[in-house]
């Protein structure tokens, strides 16, 4: 018993559409994937830096400032640190992806003008 070969082939090829992308569309897809990868790398770098830069003052404040010592438990400290890291990741990734997309749009525009 098993899956008949016709059904298996249909299931495997399900992700592939009937349309074949043109080379220009394939280049667009590759450039957008590259932009996304760049955004992820830059966002991760920013998140690591923000994590370190928010950890040091948060932990120092909890040790030295009486109000923080009494009111900021471990969960609050973790939320402060994670909030800074997450926000810096998304802001940096978004800015990087938008800058890359803008650069790609200008490239396409200049290539279109050269063809004319």
PDB file of N, CA and C in Angstrom:
ATOM      1  N   UNK A   1       0.845  -1.178   0.000  1.00  0.00           N
ATOM      2  CA  UNK A   1       0.000   0.000   0.000  1.00  0.00           C
ATOM      3  C   UNK A   1       0.882   1.229   0.000  1.00  0.00           C
ATOM      4  N   UNK A   2       0.396   2.232  -0.589  1.00  0.00           N
ATOM      5  CA  UNK A   2       1.121   3.485  -0.637  1.00  0.00           C
ATOM      6  C   UNK A   2       0.347   4.485  -1.463  1.00  0.00           C
ATOM      7  N   UNK A   3       0.992   5.547  -1.756  1.00  0.00           N
ATOM      8  CA  UNK A   3       0.371   6.586  -2.565  1.00  0.00           C
ATOM      9  C   UNK A   3       0.630   6.246  -4.035  1.00  0.00           C
ATOM     10  N   UNK A   4      -0.417   6.208  -4.848  1.00  0.00           N
ATOM     11  CA  UNK A   4      -0.204   5.948  -6.276  1.00  0.00           C
ATOM     12  C   UNK A   4       0.706   7.010  -6.879  1.00  0.00           C
ATOM     13  N   UNK A   5       1.476   6.606  -7.889  1.00  0.00           N
ATOM     14  CA  UNK A   5       2.484   7.506  -8.458  1.00  0.00           C
ATOM     15  C   UNK A   5       1.865   8.762  -9.056  1.00  0.00           C
ATOM     16  N   UNK A   6       0.665   8.666  -9.638  1.00  0.00           N
ATOM     17  CA  UNK A   6       0.033   9.851 -10.217  1.00  0.00           C
ATOM     18  C   UNK A   6      -0.294  10.866  -9.131  1.00  0.00           C
ATOM     19  N   UNK A   7      -0.821  10.382  -8.025  1.00  0.00           N
ATOM     20  CA  UNK A   7      -1.163  11.290  -6.927  1.00  0.00           C
ATOM     21  C   UNK A   7       0.107  11.871  -6.304  1.00  0.00           C
ATOM     22  N   UNK A   8       1.146  11.048  -6.181  1.00  0.00           N
ATOM     23  CA  UNK A   8       2.400  11.524  -5.613  1.00  0.00           C
ATOM     24  C   UNK A   8       3.003  12.624  -6.473  1.00  0.00           C
ATOM     25  N   UNK A   9       3.011  12.403  -7.803  1.00  0.00           N
ATOM     26  CA  UNK A   9       3.554  13.409  -8.716  1.00  0.00           C
ATOM     27  C   UNK A   9       2.735  14.694  -8.665  1.00  0.00           C
ATOM     28  N   UNK A  10       1.424  14.545  -8.565  1.00  0.00           N
ATOM     29  CA  UNK A  10       0.572  15.722  -8.481  1.00  0.00           C
ATOM     30  C   UNK A  10       0.854  16.482  -7.176  1.00  0.00           C
ATOM     31  N   UNK A  11       1.072  15.758  -6.085  1.00  0.00           N
ATOM     32  CA  UNK A  11       1.346  16.378  -4.792  1.00  0.00           C
ATOM     33  C   UNK A  11       2.708  17.069  -4.798  1.00  0.00           C
ATOM     34  N   UNK A  12       3.705  16.440  -5.395  1.00  0.00           N
ATOM     35  CA  UNK A  12       5.048  17.008  -5.439  1.00  0.00           C
ATOM     36  C   UNK A  12       5.064  18.263  -6.296  1.00  0.00           C
ATOM     37  N   UNK A  13       4.395  18.252  -7.423  1.00  0.00           N
ATOM     38  CA  UNK A  13       4.404  19.378  -8.357  1.00  0.00           C
ATOM     39  C   UNK A  13       3.351  20.424  -8.023  1.00  0.00           C
ATOM     40  N   UNK A  14       2.673  20.265  -6.925  1.00  0.00           N
ATOM     41  CA  UNK A  14       1.612  21.186  -6.559  1.00  0.00           C
ATOM     42  C   UNK A  14       2.139  22.602  -6.331  1.00  0.00           C
ATOM     43  N   UNK A  15       3.337  22.725  -5.748  1.00  0.00           N
ATOM     44  CA  UNK A  15       3.905  24.032  -5.470  1.00  0.00           C
ATOM     45  C   UNK A  15       4.317  24.774  -6.729  1.00  0.00           C
ATOM     46  N   UNK A  16       4.584  24.046  -7.794  1.00  0.00           N
ATOM     47  CA  UNK A  16       4.976  24.677  -9.049  1.00  0.00           C
ATOM     48  C   UNK A  16       3.720  25.023  -9.836  1.00  0.00           C
ATOM     49  N   UNK A  17       3.645  26.242 -10.263  1.00  0.00           N
ATOM     50  CA  UNK A  17       2.483  26.670 -11.021  1.00  0.00           C
ATOM     51  C   UNK A  17       2.572  26.237 -12.463  1.00  0.00           C
ATOM     52  N   UNK A  18       1.526  26.529 -13.192  1.00  0.00           N
ATOM     53  CA  UNK A  18       1.519  26.204 -14.611  1.00  0.00           C
ATOM     54  C   UNK A  18       2.325  27.215 -15.406  1.00  0.00           C
ATOM     55  N   UNK A  19       2.504  28.405 -14.823  1.00  0.00           N
ATOM     56  CA  UNK A  19       3.217  29.467 -15.522  1.00  0.00           C
ATOM     57  C   UNK A  19       4.707  29.396 -15.219  1.00  0.00           C
ATOM     58  N   UNK A  20       5.497  29.666 -16.214  1.00  0.00           N
ATOM     59  CA  UNK A  20       6.948  29.703 -16.046  1.00  0.00           C
ATOM     60  C   UNK A  20       7.362  31.161 -16.003  1.00  0.00           C
ATOM     61  N   UNK A  21       8.097  31.589 -14.964  1.00  0.00           N
ATOM     62  CA  UNK A  21       8.462  33.003 -14.882  1.00  0.00           C
ATOM     63  C   UNK A  21       9.488  33.373 -15.948  1.00  0.00           C
ATOM     64  N   UNK A  22       9.382  34.618 -16.397  1.00  0.00           N
ATOM     65  CA  UNK A  22      10.358  35.109 -17.371  1.00  0.00           C
ATOM     66  C   UNK A  22      11.672  35.385 -16.652  1.00  0.00           C
ATOM     67  N   UNK A  23      12.766  35.511 -17.383  1.00  0.00           N
ATOM     68  CA  UNK A  23      14.049  35.811 -16.727  1.00  0.00           C
ATOM     69  C   UNK A  23      14.019  37.117 -15.929  1.00  0.00           C
ATOM     70  N   UNK A  24      13.251  38.098 -16.417  1.00  0.00           N
ATOM     71  CA  UNK A  24      13.155  39.370 -15.680  1.00  0.00           C
ATOM     72  C   UNK A  24      12.446  39.162 -14.343  1.00  0.00           C
ATOM     73  N   UNK A  25      11.387  38.373 -14.354  1.00  0.00           N
ATOM     74  CA  UNK A  25      10.667  38.099 -13.108  1.00  0.00           C
ATOM     75  C   UNK A  25      11.537  37.302 -12.144  1.00  0.00           C
ATOM     76  N   UNK A  26      12.309  36.385 -12.686  1.00  0.00           N
ATOM     77  CA  UNK A  26      13.205  35.584 -11.846  1.00  0.00           C
ATOM     78  C   UNK A  26      14.267  36.485 -11.205  1.00  0.00           C
ATOM     79  N   UNK A  27      14.782  37.450 -11.970  1.00  0.00           N
ATOM     80  CA  UNK A  27      15.763  38.395 -11.421  1.00  0.00           C
ATOM     81  C   UNK A  27      15.135  39.243 -10.322  1.00  0.00           C
ATOM     82  N   UNK A  28      13.888  39.665 -10.512  1.00  0.00           N
ATOM     83  CA  UNK A  28      13.192  40.438  -9.477  1.00  0.00           C
ATOM     84  C   UNK A  28      13.061  39.619  -8.196  1.00  0.00           C
ATOM     85  N   UNK A  29      12.693  38.352  -8.361  1.00  0.00           N
ATOM     86  CA  UNK A  29      12.530  37.489  -7.191  1.00  0.00           C
ATOM     87  C   UNK A  29      13.857  37.300  -6.473  1.00  0.00           C
ATOM     88  N   UNK A  30      14.933  37.113  -7.229  1.00  0.00           N
ATOM     89  CA  UNK A  30      16.248  36.935  -6.614  1.00  0.00           C
ATOM     90  C   UNK A  30      16.702  38.203  -5.894  1.00  0.00           C
ATOM     91  N   UNK A  31      16.447  39.369  -6.513  1.00  0.00           N
ATOM     92  CA  UNK A  31      16.829  40.624  -5.859  1.00  0.00           C
ATOM     93  C   UNK A  31      16.028  40.855  -4.590  1.00  0.00           C
ATOM     94  N   UNK A  32      14.747  40.506  -4.603  1.00  0.00           N
ATOM     95  CA  UNK A  32      13.942  40.696  -3.392  1.00  0.00           C
ATOM     96  C   UNK A  32      14.381  39.728  -2.296  1.00  0.00           C
ATOM     97  N   UNK A  33      14.763  38.514  -2.678  1.00  0.00           N
ATOM     98  CA  UNK A  33      15.269  37.564  -1.677  1.00  0.00           C
ATOM     99  C   UNK A  33      16.581  38.062  -1.081  1.00  0.00           C
ATOM    100  N   UNK A  34      17.418  38.668  -1.925  1.00  0.00           N
ATOM    101  CA  UNK A  34      18.678  39.226  -1.438  1.00  0.00           C
ATOM    102  C   UNK A  34      18.414  40.383  -0.476  1.00  0.00           C
ATOM    103  N   UNK A  35      17.442  41.218  -0.805  1.00  0.00           N
ATOM    104  CA  UNK A  35      17.081  42.338   0.078  1.00  0.00           C
ATOM    105  C   UNK A  35      16.584  41.823   1.432  1.00  0.00           C
ATOM    106  N   UNK A  36      15.799  40.778   1.390  1.00  0.00           N
ATOM    107  CA  UNK A  36      15.283  40.215   2.634  1.00  0.00           C
ATOM    108  C   UNK A  36      16.415  39.653   3.493  1.00  0.00           C
ATOM    109  N   UNK A  37      17.333  38.945   2.859  1.00  0.00           N
ATOM    110  CA  UNK A  37      18.479  38.400   3.591  1.00  0.00           C
ATOM    111  C   UNK A  37      19.319  39.519   4.201  1.00  0.00           C
ATOM    112  N   UNK A  38      19.541  40.591   3.439  1.00  0.00           N
ATOM    113  CA  UNK A  38      20.288  41.733   3.963  1.00  0.00           C
ATOM    114  C   UNK A  38      19.592  42.324   5.177  1.00  0.00           C
ATOM    115  N   UNK A  39      18.274  42.455   5.069  1.00  0.00           N
ATOM    116  CA  UNK A  39      17.498  43.011   6.176  1.00  0.00           C
ATOM    117  C   UNK A  39      17.580  42.157   7.422  1.00  0.00           C
ATOM    118  N   UNK A  40      17.542  40.850   7.236  1.00  0.00           N
ATOM    119  CA  UNK A  40      17.636  39.942   8.384  1.00  0.00           C
ATOM    120  C   UNK A  40      18.997  40.064   9.055  1.00  0.00           C
ATOM    121  N   UNK A  41      20.067  40.106   8.242  1.00  0.00           N
ATOM    122  CA  UNK A  41      21.415  40.212   8.817  1.00  0.00           C
ATOM    123  C   UNK A  41      21.602  41.521   9.573  1.00  0.00           C
ATOM    124  N   UNK A  42      21.190  42.630   8.943  1.00  0.00           N
ATOM    125  CA  UNK A  42      21.357  43.929   9.592  1.00  0.00           C
ATOM    126  C   UNK A  42      20.477  44.026  10.841  1.00  0.00           C
ATOM    127  N   UNK A  43      19.268  43.484  10.768  1.00  0.00           N
ATOM    128  CA  UNK A  43      18.377  43.505  11.931  1.00  0.00           C
ATOM    129  C   UNK A  43      18.934  42.697  13.085  1.00  0.00           C
ATOM    130  N   UNK A  44      19.540  41.557  12.777  1.00  0.00           N
ATOM    131  CA  UNK A  44      20.135  40.729  13.834  1.00  0.00           C
ATOM    132  C   UNK A  44      21.294  41.457  14.499  1.00  0.00           C
ATOM    133  N   UNK A  45      22.127  42.113  13.682  1.00  0.00           N
ATOM    134  CA  UNK A  45      23.235  42.867  14.254  1.00  0.00           C
ATOM    135  C   UNK A  45      22.721  43.961  15.190  1.00  0.00           C
ATOM    136  N   UNK A  46      21.696  44.680  14.743  1.00  0.00           N
ATOM    137  CA  UNK A  46      21.137  45.754  15.564  1.00  0.00           C
ATOM    138  C   UNK A  46      20.514  45.201  16.840  1.00  0.00           C
ATOM    139  N   UNK A  47      19.859  44.049  16.751  1.00  0.00           N
ATOM    140  CA  UNK A  47      19.232  43.453  17.932  1.00  0.00           C
ATOM    141  C   UNK A  47      20.277  43.030  18.959  1.00  0.00           C
ATOM    142  N   UNK A  48      21.384  42.476  18.499  1.00  0.00           N
ATOM    143  CA  UNK A  48      22.445  42.066  19.422  1.00  0.00           C
ATOM    144  C   UNK A  48      23.024  43.286  20.135  1.00  0.00           C
ATOM    145  N   UNK A  49      23.273  44.335  19.375  1.00  0.00           N
ATOM    146  CA  UNK A  49      23.823  45.552  19.979  1.00  0.00           C
ATOM    147  C   UNK A  49      22.829  46.156  20.966  1.00  0.00           C
ATOM    148  N   UNK A  50      21.550  46.212  20.590  1.00  0.00           N
ATOM    149  CA  UNK A  50      20.530  46.764  21.485  1.00  0.00           C
ATOM    150  C   UNK A  50      20.377  45.918  22.740  1.00  0.00           C
ATOM    151  N   UNK A  51      20.522  44.616  22.605  1.00  0.00           N
ATOM    152  CA  UNK A  51      20.423  43.722  23.771  1.00  0.00           C
ATOM    153  C   UNK A  51      21.523  44.034  24.770  1.00  0.00           C
ATOM    154  N   UNK A  52      22.733  44.156  24.277  1.00  0.00           N
ATOM    155  CA  UNK A  52      23.856  44.448  25.175  1.00  0.00           C
ATOM    156  C   UNK A  52      23.708  45.833  25.782  1.00  0.00           C
ATOM    157  N   UNK A  53      23.350  46.811  24.944  1.00  0.00           N
ATOM    158  CA  UNK A  53      23.255  48.186  25.430  1.00  0.00           C
ATOM    159  C   UNK A  53      22.079  48.401  26.374  1.00  0.00           C
ATOM    160  N   UNK A  54      21.045  47.582  26.303  1.00  0.00           N
ATOM    161  CA  UNK A  54      19.939  47.734  27.246  1.00  0.00           C
ATOM    162  C   UNK A  54      20.110  46.852  28.483  1.00  0.00           C
ATOM    163  N   UNK A  55      20.899  45.798  28.372  1.00  0.00           N
ATOM    164  CA  UNK A  55      21.118  44.912  29.516  1.00  0.00           C
ATOM    165  C   UNK A  55      21.954  45.584  30.598  1.00  0.00           C
ATOM    166  N   UNK A  56      23.022  46.218  30.196  1.00  0.00           N
ATOM    167  CA  UNK A  56      23.941  46.806  31.173  1.00  0.00           C
ATOM    168  C   UNK A  56      23.247  47.846  32.048  1.00  0.00           C
ATOM    169  N   UNK A  57      22.572  48.864  31.494  1.00  0.00           N
ATOM    170  CA  UNK A  57      21.933  49.840  32.380  1.00  0.00           C
ATOM    171  C   UNK A  57      20.748  49.276  33.170  1.00  0.00           C
ATOM    172  N   UNK A  58      20.036  48.314  32.578  1.00  0.00           N
ATOM    173  CA  UNK A  58      18.897  47.738  33.308  1.00  0.00           C
ATOM    174  C   UNK A  58      19.379  46.990  34.544  1.00  0.00           C
ATOM    175  N   UNK A  59      20.375  46.148  34.378  1.00  0.00           N
ATOM    176  CA  UNK A  59      20.876  45.391  35.529  1.00  0.00           C
ATOM    177  C   UNK A  59      21.585  46.295  36.534  1.00  0.00           C
ATOM    178  N   UNK A  60      22.271  47.312  36.035  1.00  0.00           N
ATOM    179  CA  UNK A  60      22.920  48.254  36.959  1.00  0.00           C
ATOM    180  C   UNK A  60      21.877  49.031  37.744  1.00  0.00           C
ATOM    181  N   UNK A  61      20.801  49.441  37.102  1.00  0.00           N
ATOM    182  CA  UNK A  61      19.753  50.192  37.789  1.00  0.00           C
ATOM    183  C   UNK A  61      19.082  49.338  38.857  1.00  0.00           C
ATOM    184  N   UNK A  62      18.855  48.075  38.556  1.00  0.00           N
ATOM    185  CA  UNK A  62      18.213  47.188  39.534  1.00  0.00           C
ATOM    186  C   UNK A  62      19.101  46.994  40.763  1.00  0.00           C
ATOM    187  N   UNK A  63      20.399  47.059  40.587  1.00  0.00           N
ATOM    188  CA  UNK A  63      21.310  46.878  41.717  1.00  0.00           C
ATOM    189  C   UNK A  63      21.490  48.159  42.535  1.00  0.00           C
ATOM    190  N   UNK A  64      21.403  49.332  41.873  1.00  0.00           N
ATOM    191  CA  UNK A  64      21.779  50.580  42.543  1.00  0.00           C
ATOM    192  C   UNK A  64      20.618  51.495  42.915  1.00  0.00           C
ATOM    193  N   UNK A  65      19.570  51.539  42.105  1.00  0.00           N
ATOM    194  CA  UNK A  65      18.466  52.468  42.358  1.00  0.00           C
ATOM    195  C   UNK A  65      17.414  51.764  43.212  1.00  0.00           C
ATOM    196  N   UNK A  66      17.060  52.340  44.359  1.00  0.00           N
ATOM    197  CA  UNK A  66      16.110  51.674  45.263  1.00  0.00           C
ATOM    198  C   UNK A  66      14.741  51.411  44.628  1.00  0.00           C
ATOM    199  N   UNK A  67      14.207  52.380  43.880  1.00  0.00           N
ATOM    200  CA  UNK A  67      12.903  52.175  43.265  1.00  0.00           C
ATOM    201  C   UNK A  67      12.944  50.972  42.313  1.00  0.00           C
ATOM    202  N   UNK A  68      13.969  50.900  41.469  1.00  0.00           N
ATOM    203  CA  UNK A  68      14.086  49.795  40.507  1.00  0.00           C
ATOM    204  C   UNK A  68      14.295  48.469  41.228  1.00  0.00           C
ATOM    205  N   UNK A  69      15.039  48.513  42.324  1.00  0.00           N
ATOM    206  CA  UNK A  69      15.293  47.284  43.081  1.00  0.00           C
ATOM    207  C   UNK A  69      13.994  46.694  43.616  1.00  0.00           C
ATOM    208  N   UNK A  70      13.080  47.556  44.051  1.00  0.00           N
ATOM    209  CA  UNK A  70      11.826  47.076  44.638  1.00  0.00           C
ATOM    210  C   UNK A  70      10.750  46.777  43.604  1.00  0.00           C
ATOM    211  N   UNK A  71      10.775  47.448  42.459  1.00  0.00           N
ATOM    212  CA  UNK A  71       9.660  47.342  41.520  1.00  0.00           C
ATOM    213  C   UNK A  71       9.939  46.545  40.249  1.00  0.00           C
ATOM    214  N   UNK A  72      11.187  46.307  39.905  1.00  0.00           N
ATOM    215  CA  UNK A  72      11.479  45.572  38.673  1.00  0.00           C
ATOM    216  C   UNK A  72      11.935  44.149  38.996  1.00  0.00           C
ATOM    217  N   UNK A  73      11.004  43.206  38.833  1.00  0.00           N
ATOM    218  CA  UNK A  73      11.379  41.810  39.052  1.00  0.00           C
ATOM    219  C   UNK A  73      12.073  41.260  37.805  1.00  0.00           C
ATOM    220  N   UNK A  74      12.372  39.975  37.799  1.00  0.00           N
ATOM    221  CA  UNK A  74      13.107  39.383  36.667  1.00  0.00           C
ATOM    222  C   UNK A  74      12.320  39.487  35.362  1.00  0.00           C
ATOM    223  N   UNK A  75      11.008  39.334  35.447  1.00  0.00           N
ATOM    224  CA  UNK A  75      10.190  39.425  34.240  1.00  0.00           C
ATOM    225  C   UNK A  75      10.237  40.824  33.655  1.00  0.00           C
ATOM    226  N   UNK A  76      10.145  41.827  34.481  1.00  0.00           N
ATOM    227  CA  UNK A  76      10.211  43.212  34.001  1.00  0.00           C
ATOM    228  C   UNK A  76      11.567  43.507  33.369  1.00  0.00           C
ATOM    229  N   UNK A  77      12.620  43.012  33.973  1.00  0.00           N
ATOM    230  CA  UNK A  77      13.953  43.225  33.399  1.00  0.00           C
ATOM    231  C   UNK A  77      14.059  42.559  32.029  1.00  0.00           C
ATOM    232  N   UNK A  78      13.546  41.335  31.929  1.00  0.00           N
ATOM    233  CA  UNK A  78      13.595  40.626  30.651  1.00  0.00           C
ATOM    234  C   UNK A  78      12.756  41.341  29.593  1.00  0.00           C
ATOM    235  N   UNK A  79      11.608  41.873  29.997  1.00  0.00           N
ATOM    236  CA  UNK A  79      10.768  42.587  29.037  1.00  0.00           C
ATOM    237  C   UNK A  79      11.429  43.866  28.537  1.00  0.00           C
ATOM    238  N   UNK A  80      12.122  44.563  29.406  1.00  0.00           N
ATOM    239  CA  UNK A  80      12.826  45.776  28.990  1.00  0.00           C
ATOM    240  C   UNK A  80      13.896  45.423  27.957  1.00  0.00           C
ATOM    241  N   UNK A  81      14.674  44.402  28.255  1.00  0.00           N
ATOM    242  CA  UNK A  81      15.764  44.009  27.361  1.00  0.00           C
ATOM    243  C   UNK A  81      15.215  43.475  26.042  1.00  0.00           C
ATOM    244  N   UNK A  82      14.217  42.603  26.104  1.00  0.00           N
ATOM    245  CA  UNK A  82      13.648  42.023  24.883  1.00  0.00           C
ATOM    246  C   UNK A  82      12.930  43.073  24.043  1.00  0.00           C
ATOM    247  N   UNK A  83      12.256  43.992  24.707  1.00  0.00           N
ATOM    248  CA  UNK A  83      11.561  45.053  23.965  1.00  0.00           C
ATOM    249  C   UNK A  83      12.523  45.884  23.141  1.00  0.00           C
ATOM    250  N   UNK A  84      13.640  46.228  23.727  1.00  0.00           N
ATOM    251  CA  UNK A  84      14.643  47.001  22.994  1.00  0.00           C
ATOM    252  C   UNK A  84      15.215  46.193  21.835  1.00  0.00           C
ATOM    253  N   UNK A  85      15.484  44.923  22.068  1.00  0.00           N
ATOM    254  CA  UNK A  85      16.065  44.086  21.016  1.00  0.00           C
ATOM    255  C   UNK A  85      15.095  43.873  19.864  1.00  0.00           C
ATOM    256  N   UNK A  86      13.860  43.560  20.185  1.00  0.00           N
ATOM    257  CA  UNK A  86      12.865  43.284  19.147  1.00  0.00           C
ATOM    258  C   UNK A  86      12.576  44.522  18.316  1.00  0.00           C
ATOM    259  N   UNK A  87      12.407  45.651  18.984  1.00  0.00           N
ATOM    260  CA  UNK A  87      12.107  46.867  18.231  1.00  0.00           C
ATOM    261  C   UNK A  87      13.270  47.268  17.332  1.00  0.00           C
ATOM    262  N   UNK A  88      14.488  47.143  17.817  1.00  0.00           N
ATOM    263  CA  UNK A  88      15.630  47.506  16.973  1.00  0.00           C
ATOM    264  C   UNK A  88      15.760  46.547  15.791  1.00  0.00           C
ATOM    265  N   UNK A  89      15.457  45.269  16.004  1.00  0.00           N
ATOM    266  CA  UNK A  89      15.509  44.305  14.895  1.00  0.00           C
ATOM    267  C   UNK A  89      14.540  44.715  13.794  1.00  0.00           C
ATOM    268  N   UNK A  90      13.279  44.933  14.153  1.00  0.00           N
ATOM    269  CA  UNK A  90      12.284  45.214  13.134  1.00  0.00           C
ATOM    270  C   UNK A  90      12.490  46.563  12.467  1.00  0.00           C
ATOM    271  N   UNK A  91      12.883  47.563  13.219  1.00  0.00           N
ATOM    272  CA  UNK A  91      13.119  48.880  12.626  1.00  0.00           C
ATOM    273  C   UNK A  91      14.277  48.817  11.640  1.00  0.00           C
ATOM    274  N   UNK A  92      15.374  48.185  12.041  1.00  0.00           N
ATOM    275  CA  UNK A  92      16.544  48.104  11.163  1.00  0.00           C
ATOM    276  C   UNK A  92      16.267  47.237   9.947  1.00  0.00           C
ATOM    277  N   UNK A  93      15.617  46.105  10.139  1.00  0.00           N
ATOM    278  CA  UNK A  93      15.306  45.233   9.004  1.00  0.00           C
ATOM    279  C   UNK A  93      14.397  45.951   8.016  1.00  0.00           C
ATOM    280  N   UNK A  94      13.398  46.663   8.518  1.00  0.00           N
ATOM    281  CA  UNK A  94      12.481  47.384   7.651  1.00  0.00           C
ATOM    282  C   UNK A  94      13.205  48.465   6.857  1.00  0.00           C
ATOM    283  N   UNK A  95      14.043  49.233   7.529  1.00  0.00           N
ATOM    284  CA  UNK A  95      14.786  50.289   6.834  1.00  0.00           C
ATOM    285  C   UNK A  95      15.725  49.704   5.776  1.00  0.00           C
ATOM    286  N   UNK A  96      16.382  48.603   6.104  1.00  0.00           N
ATOM    287  CA  UNK A  96      17.313  47.982   5.161  1.00  0.00           C
ATOM    288  C   UNK A  96      16.582  47.438   3.945  1.00  0.00           C
ATOM    289  N   UNK A  97      15.461  46.772   4.151  1.00  0.00           N
ATOM    290  CA  UNK A  97      14.699  46.211   3.033  1.00  0.00           C
ATOM    291  C   UNK A  97      14.154  47.326   2.149  1.00  0.00           C
ATOM    292  N   UNK A  98      13.655  48.401   2.761  1.00  0.00           N
ATOM    293  CA  UNK A  98      13.129  49.509   1.967  1.00  0.00           C
ATOM    294  C   UNK A  98      14.226  50.203   1.170  1.00  0.00           C
ATOM    295  N   UNK A  99      15.403  50.371   1.762  1.00  0.00           N
ATOM    296  CA  UNK A  99      16.518  50.986   1.045  1.00  0.00           C
ATOM    297  C   UNK A  99      16.951  50.115  -0.133  1.00  0.00           C
ATOM    298  N   UNK A 100      16.992  48.825   0.082  1.00  0.00           N
ATOM    299  CA  UNK A 100      17.374  47.898  -0.991  1.00  0.00           C
ATOM    300  C   UNK A 100      16.319  47.899  -2.098  1.00  0.00           C
ATOM    301  N   UNK A 101      15.043  47.926  -1.730  1.00  0.00           N
ATOM    302  CA  UNK A 101      13.975  47.951  -2.727  1.00  0.00           C
ATOM    303  C   UNK A 101      14.022  49.251  -3.524  1.00  0.00           C
ATOM    304  N   UNK A 102      14.311  50.361  -2.850  1.00  0.00           N
ATOM    305  CA  UNK A 102      14.435  51.633  -3.547  1.00  0.00           C
ATOM    306  C   UNK A 102      15.590  51.583  -4.547  1.00  0.00           C
ATOM    307  N   UNK A 103      16.707  50.996  -4.124  1.00  0.00           N
ATOM    308  CA  UNK A 103      17.865  50.866  -5.004  1.00  0.00           C
ATOM    309  C   UNK A 103      17.516  49.991  -6.217  1.00  0.00           C
ATOM    310  N   UNK A 104      16.784  48.908  -5.994  1.00  0.00           N
ATOM    311  CA  UNK A 104      16.392  48.028  -7.101  1.00  0.00           C
ATOM    312  C   UNK A 104      15.432  48.729  -8.055  1.00  0.00           C
ATOM    313  N   UNK A 105      14.518  49.530  -7.523  1.00  0.00           N
ATOM    314  CA  UNK A 105      13.587  50.258  -8.381  1.00  0.00           C
ATOM    315  C   UNK A 105      14.334  51.269  -9.240  1.00  0.00           C
ATOM    316  N   UNK A 106      15.307  51.943  -8.670  1.00  0.00           N
ATOM    317  CA  UNK A 106      16.105  52.894  -9.451  1.00  0.00           C
ATOM    318  C   UNK A 106      16.923  52.160 -10.511  1.00  0.00           C
ATOM    319  N   UNK A 107      17.424  50.996 -10.177  1.00  0.00           N
ATOM    320  CA  UNK A 107      18.179  50.190 -11.146  1.00  0.00           C
ATOM    321  C   UNK A 107      17.287  49.788 -12.315  1.00  0.00           C
ATOM    322  N   UNK A 108      16.093  49.323 -12.026  1.00  0.00           N
ATOM    323  CA  UNK A 108      15.159  48.934 -13.085  1.00  0.00           C
ATOM    324  C   UNK A 108      14.805  50.125 -13.958  1.00  0.00           C
ATOM    325  N   UNK A 109      14.615  51.276 -13.324  1.00  0.00           N
ATOM    326  CA  UNK A 109      14.290  52.493 -14.062  1.00  0.00           C
ATOM    327  C   UNK A 109      15.416  52.866 -15.018  1.00  0.00           C
ATOM    328  N   UNK A 110      16.646  52.814 -14.525  1.00  0.00           N
ATOM    329  CA  UNK A 110      17.780  53.181 -15.383  1.00  0.00           C
ATOM    330  C   UNK A 110      17.973  52.159 -16.505  1.00  0.00           C
ATOM    331  N   UNK A 111      17.753  50.881 -16.229  1.00  0.00           N
ATOM    332  CA  UNK A 111      17.866  49.859 -17.280  1.00  0.00           C
ATOM    333  C   UNK A 111      16.777  50.039 -18.334  1.00  0.00           C
ATOM    334  N   UNK A 112      15.591  50.406 -17.906  1.00  0.00           N
ATOM    335  CA  UNK A 112      14.498  50.634 -18.850  1.00  0.00           C
ATOM    336  C   UNK A 112      14.817  51.819 -19.751  1.00  0.00           C
ATOM    337  N   UNK A 113      15.411  52.862 -19.169  1.00  0.00           N
ATOM    338  CA  UNK A 113      15.763  54.056 -19.963  1.00  0.00           C
ATOM    339  C   UNK A 113      16.877  53.735 -20.950  1.00  0.00           C
ATOM    340  N   UNK A 114      17.815  52.866 -20.578  1.00  0.00           N
ATOM    341  CA  UNK A 114      18.895  52.514 -21.486  1.00  0.00           C
ATOM    342  C   UNK A 114      18.393  51.729 -22.693  1.00  0.00           C
ATOM    343  N   UNK A 115      17.367  50.912 -22.492  1.00  0.00           N
ATOM    344  CA  UNK A 115      16.820  50.107 -23.587  1.00  0.00           C
ATOM    345  C   UNK A 115      16.094  50.985 -24.604  1.00  0.00           C
ATOM    346  N   UNK A 116      15.561  52.110 -24.142  1.00  0.00           N
ATOM    347  CA  UNK A 116      14.793  52.979 -25.062  1.00  0.00           C
ATOM    348  C   UNK A 116      15.658  53.842 -25.868  1.00  0.00           C
TER     349      UNK A 116
END
